[in-house]
Amino acid sequence: MQITSLRIITADVQRLVAFYEHLTGLTAAWATPDFAELATSAFTLAVGSTRTVGMFGPGTARPADNHSLIIEFLVDDVDAEYARLGGGEVPVEFVNEPTLMPWGNRSLLLRDPDGTLVNLFTPVGEQAIAKWRRAR
């Protein structure tokens, strides 16, 4: 089994896609006005409108209601990303500044416009570097 996609349901697809395009530097592929995908080398981040929820079953997903998921992106330099994102082009709600975590990653937590936690991290500890070198 392989994870291929993570889908976020939102009431404002345009706003959320614009945020993730700015965050990742990727351009979304739009299937319909209600659905877009940003493909990374590891997985696809999909953004769907609340209008798509009915296809899965009424009430199966609610927008802006996540309190248990953190979307994580491995980046080359978390401090450079912090400086870039703090530049004001697109408003970003930072949860913390870049912080060294006990497991060897330098991490930056922020929230997307719907409140989902996003972690940008750079491995800096010896074990973390070895782990993520294998994963690339």
C-alpha atoms as a PDB file:
ATOM      1  CA  MET A   1       0.000   0.000   0.000  1.00  0.00           C
ATOM      2  CA  GLN A   2       1.231   3.505  -0.791  1.00  0.00           C
ATOM      3  CA  ILE A   3      -0.142   6.871   0.212  1.00  0.00           C
ATOM      4  CA  THR A   4      -0.756   8.868  -2.931  1.00  0.00           C
ATOM      5  CA  SER A   5      -2.940  11.785  -1.971  1.00  0.00           C
ATOM      6  CA  LEU A   6      -4.096  13.918   0.900  1.00  0.00           C
ATOM      7  CA  ARG A   7      -7.332  15.808   0.228  1.00  0.00           C
ATOM      8  CA  ILE A   8      -8.473  18.891   2.082  1.00  0.00           C
ATOM      9  CA  ILE A   9     -12.122  19.911   1.905  1.00  0.00           C
ATOM     10  CA  THR A  10     -12.698  23.661   2.003  1.00  0.00           C
ATOM     11  CA  ALA A  11     -15.416  26.228   1.462  1.00  0.00           C
ATOM     12  CA  ASP A  12     -12.925  28.395  -0.509  1.00  0.00           C
ATOM     13  CA  VAL A  13     -10.916  26.316  -2.972  1.00  0.00           C
ATOM     14  CA  GLN A  14      -9.342  29.316  -4.720  1.00  0.00           C
ATOM     15  CA  ARG A  15      -7.976  30.752  -1.451  1.00  0.00           C
ATOM     16  CA  LEU A  16      -6.601  27.460  -0.161  1.00  0.00           C
ATOM     17  CA  VAL A  17      -5.016  26.507  -3.486  1.00  0.00           C
ATOM     18  CA  ALA A  18      -3.389  29.957  -3.738  1.00  0.00           C
ATOM     19  CA  PHE A  19      -1.950  29.484  -0.241  1.00  0.00           C
ATOM     20  CA  TYR A  20      -0.457  26.066  -1.026  1.00  0.00           C
ATOM     21  CA  GLU A  21       0.876  27.276  -4.384  1.00  0.00           C
ATOM     22  CA  HIS A  22       2.674  30.083  -2.548  1.00  0.00           C
ATOM     23  CA  LEU A  23       3.885  27.727   0.180  1.00  0.00           C
ATOM     24  CA  THR A  24       5.229  25.039  -2.156  1.00  0.00           C
ATOM     25  CA  GLY A  25       6.106  27.010  -5.268  1.00  0.00           C
ATOM     26  CA  LEU A  26       4.042  24.518  -7.281  1.00  0.00           C
ATOM     27  CA  THR A  27       1.245  25.263  -9.725  1.00  0.00           C
ATOM     28  CA  ALA A  28      -2.021  23.468  -9.142  1.00  0.00           C
ATOM     29  CA  ALA A  29      -3.662  21.361 -11.815  1.00  0.00           C
ATOM     30  CA  TRP A  30      -7.370  22.186 -11.858  1.00  0.00           C
ATOM     31  CA  ALA A  31      -9.751  19.368 -12.792  1.00  0.00           C
ATOM     32  CA  THR A  32     -12.853  21.486 -12.172  1.00  0.00           C
ATOM     33  CA  PRO A  33     -13.525  24.756 -10.309  1.00  0.00           C
ATOM     34  CA  ASP A  34     -14.245  22.519  -7.286  1.00  0.00           C
ATOM     35  CA  PHE A  35     -11.066  20.418  -7.360  1.00  0.00           C
ATOM     36  CA  ALA A  36      -7.342  21.049  -7.791  1.00  0.00           C
ATOM     37  CA  GLU A  37      -4.156  19.081  -7.106  1.00  0.00           C
ATOM     38  CA  LEU A  38      -0.595  20.045  -6.265  1.00  0.00           C
ATOM     39  CA  ALA A  39       1.745  17.154  -7.069  1.00  0.00           C
ATOM     40  CA  THR A  40       4.931  16.836  -5.048  1.00  0.00           C
ATOM     41  CA  SER A  41       7.535  14.142  -5.570  1.00  0.00           C
ATOM     42  CA  ALA A  42       6.144  12.219  -2.576  1.00  0.00           C
ATOM     43  CA  PHE A  43       2.374  12.674  -2.790  1.00  0.00           C
ATOM     44  CA  THR A  44      -0.398  14.842  -4.174  1.00  0.00           C
ATOM     45  CA  LEU A  45      -2.105  17.497  -2.089  1.00  0.00           C
ATOM     46  CA  ALA A  46      -5.676  17.728  -3.353  1.00  0.00           C
ATOM     47  CA  VAL A  47      -8.108  20.516  -2.514  1.00  0.00           C
ATOM     48  CA  GLY A  48     -11.814  19.909  -2.945  1.00  0.00           C
ATOM     49  CA  SER A  49     -14.830  22.112  -2.483  1.00  0.00           C
ATOM     50  CA  THR A  50     -17.539  21.357   0.039  1.00  0.00           C
ATOM     51  CA  ARG A  51     -19.701  20.752  -3.047  1.00  0.00           C
ATOM     52  CA  THR A  52     -17.715  17.529  -3.649  1.00  0.00           C
ATOM     53  CA  VAL A  53     -18.511  16.025  -0.240  1.00  0.00           C
ATOM     54  CA  GLY A  54     -21.898  14.723  -1.349  1.00  0.00           C
ATOM     55  CA  MET A  55     -20.158  12.316  -3.753  1.00  0.00           C
ATOM     56  CA  PHE A  56     -18.695  10.492  -0.734  1.00  0.00           C
ATOM     57  CA  GLY A  57     -21.820  10.721   1.383  1.00  0.00           C
ATOM     58  CA  PRO A  58     -23.505  13.676   3.075  1.00  0.00           C
ATOM     59  CA  GLY A  59     -21.594  14.952   6.102  1.00  0.00           C
ATOM     60  CA  THR A  60     -18.518  12.758   5.560  1.00  0.00           C
ATOM     61  CA  ALA A  61     -16.168  15.778   5.714  1.00  0.00           C
ATOM     62  CA  ARG A  62     -16.429  19.284   7.150  1.00  0.00           C
ATOM     63  CA  PRO A  63     -14.254  22.211   6.038  1.00  0.00           C
ATOM     64  CA  ALA A  64     -11.947  24.048   8.438  1.00  0.00           C
ATOM     65  CA  ASP A  65     -12.579  21.459  11.156  1.00  0.00           C
ATOM     66  CA  ASN A  66      -9.247  19.654  11.441  1.00  0.00           C
ATOM     67  CA  HIS A  67      -7.690  19.358  14.889  1.00  0.00           C
ATOM     68  CA  SER A  68      -5.625  16.210  14.502  1.00  0.00           C
ATOM     69  CA  LEU A  69      -3.635  16.417  11.285  1.00  0.00           C
ATOM     70  CA  ILE A  70      -0.307  18.105  10.548  1.00  0.00           C
ATOM     71  CA  ILE A  71       0.757  18.297   6.902  1.00  0.00           C
ATOM     72  CA  GLU A  72       4.547  18.082   6.783  1.00  0.00           C
ATOM     73  CA  PHE A  73       6.892  19.278   4.056  1.00  0.00           C
ATOM     74  CA  LEU A  74      10.601  18.480   3.980  1.00  0.00           C
ATOM     75  CA  VAL A  75      12.437  21.660   2.892  1.00  0.00           C
ATOM     76  CA  ASP A  76      16.084  22.427   2.207  1.00  0.00           C
ATOM     77  CA  ASP A  77      16.294  25.370   4.624  1.00  0.00           C
ATOM     78  CA  VAL A  78      13.494  25.981   7.111  1.00  0.00           C
ATOM     79  CA  ASP A  79      14.967  29.334   8.162  1.00  0.00           C
ATOM     80  CA  ALA A  80      14.971  30.575   4.562  1.00  0.00           C
ATOM     81  CA  GLU A  81      11.340  29.458   4.210  1.00  0.00           C
ATOM     82  CA  TYR A  82      10.457  31.340   7.391  1.00  0.00           C
ATOM     83  CA  ALA A  83      12.026  34.507   5.986  1.00  0.00           C
ATOM     84  CA  ARG A  84      10.331  34.049   2.598  1.00  0.00           C
ATOM     85  CA  LEU A  85       6.890  33.355   4.028  1.00  0.00           C
ATOM     86  CA  GLY A  86       7.157  36.160   6.565  1.00  0.00           C
ATOM     87  CA  GLY A  87       7.754  38.636   3.753  1.00  0.00           C
ATOM     88  CA  GLY A  88       4.087  39.587   3.666  1.00  0.00           C
ATOM     89  CA  GLU A  89       3.222  38.660   0.059  1.00  0.00           C
ATOM     90  CA  VAL A  90       0.622  36.183   1.344  1.00  0.00           C
ATOM     91  CA  PRO A  91      -0.458  36.396   4.993  1.00  0.00           C
ATOM     92  CA  VAL A  92       0.828  33.448   7.011  1.00  0.00           C
ATOM     93  CA  GLU A  93      -0.191  32.564  10.557  1.00  0.00           C
ATOM     94  CA  PHE A  94       2.941  31.229  12.235  1.00  0.00           C
ATOM     95  CA  VAL A  95       2.488  28.990  15.265  1.00  0.00           C
ATOM     96  CA  ASN A  96       6.170  29.172  16.186  1.00  0.00           C
ATOM     97  CA  GLU A  97       9.522  30.285  14.868  1.00  0.00           C
ATOM     98  CA  PRO A  98      11.974  27.688  13.529  1.00  0.00           C
ATOM     99  CA  THR A  99      12.683  25.374  16.461  1.00  0.00           C
ATOM    100  CA  LEU A 100      15.064  22.455  16.960  1.00  0.00           C
ATOM    101  CA  MET A 101      13.015  19.384  17.826  1.00  0.00           C
ATOM    102  CA  PRO A 102      14.384  16.585  20.066  1.00  0.00           C
ATOM    103  CA  TRP A 103      14.361  14.136  17.114  1.00  0.00           C
ATOM    104  CA  GLY A 104      16.769  16.293  15.088  1.00  0.00           C
ATOM    105  CA  ASN A 105      14.530  18.327  12.797  1.00  0.00           C
ATOM    106  CA  ARG A 106      14.438  22.104  12.664  1.00  0.00           C
ATOM    107  CA  SER A 107      10.696  22.762  12.363  1.00  0.00           C
ATOM    108  CA  LEU A 108       8.389  25.661  11.596  1.00  0.00           C
ATOM    109  CA  LEU A 109       4.680  25.310  12.332  1.00  0.00           C
ATOM    110  CA  LEU A 110       2.100  27.474  10.603  1.00  0.00           C
ATOM    111  CA  ARG A 111      -1.591  27.295   9.790  1.00  0.00           C
ATOM    112  CA  ASP A 112      -3.212  27.285   6.393  1.00  0.00           C
ATOM    113  CA  PRO A 113      -6.191  29.630   5.851  1.00  0.00           C
ATOM    114  CA  ASP A 114      -8.601  26.936   7.094  1.00  0.00           C
ATOM    115  CA  GLY A 115      -6.564  26.381  10.264  1.00  0.00           C
ATOM    116  CA  THR A 116      -4.821  23.106   9.356  1.00  0.00           C
ATOM    117  CA  LEU A 117      -1.364  22.824  10.893  1.00  0.00           C
ATOM    118  CA  VAL A 118       1.522  22.714   8.444  1.00  0.00           C
ATOM    119  CA  ASN A 119       5.062  21.769   9.466  1.00  0.00           C
ATOM    120  CA  LEU A 120       8.041  22.758   7.355  1.00  0.00           C
ATOM    121  CA  PHE A 121      11.146  20.944   8.520  1.00  0.00           C
ATOM    122  CA  THR A 122      14.809  20.492   7.738  1.00  0.00           C
ATOM    123  CA  PRO A 123      16.759  17.571   9.213  1.00  0.00           C
ATOM    124  CA  VAL A 124      19.798  18.916  11.070  1.00  0.00           C
ATOM    125  CA  GLY A 125      20.659  16.161  13.560  1.00  0.00           C
ATOM    126  CA  GLU A 126      22.821  13.268  12.411  1.00  0.00           C
ATOM    127  CA  GLN A 127      20.059  10.633  12.717  1.00  0.00           C
ATOM    128  CA  ALA A 128      17.440  12.880  11.099  1.00  0.00           C
ATOM    129  CA  ILE A 129      19.751  13.645   8.187  1.00  0.00           C
ATOM    130  CA  ALA A 130      20.437   9.931   7.680  1.00  0.00           C
ATOM    131  CA  LYS A 131      16.725   9.081   7.863  1.00  0.00           C
ATOM    132  CA  TRP A 132      15.610  11.696   5.354  1.00  0.00           C
ATOM    133  CA  ARG A 133      18.540  11.135   3.002  1.00  0.00           C
ATOM    134  CA  ARG A 134      17.218   7.579   2.556  1.00  0.00           C
ATOM    135  CA  ALA A 135      13.685   8.875   1.974  1.00  0.00           C
ATOM    136  CA  ARG A 136      14.611  11.234  -0.877  1.00  0.00           C
END
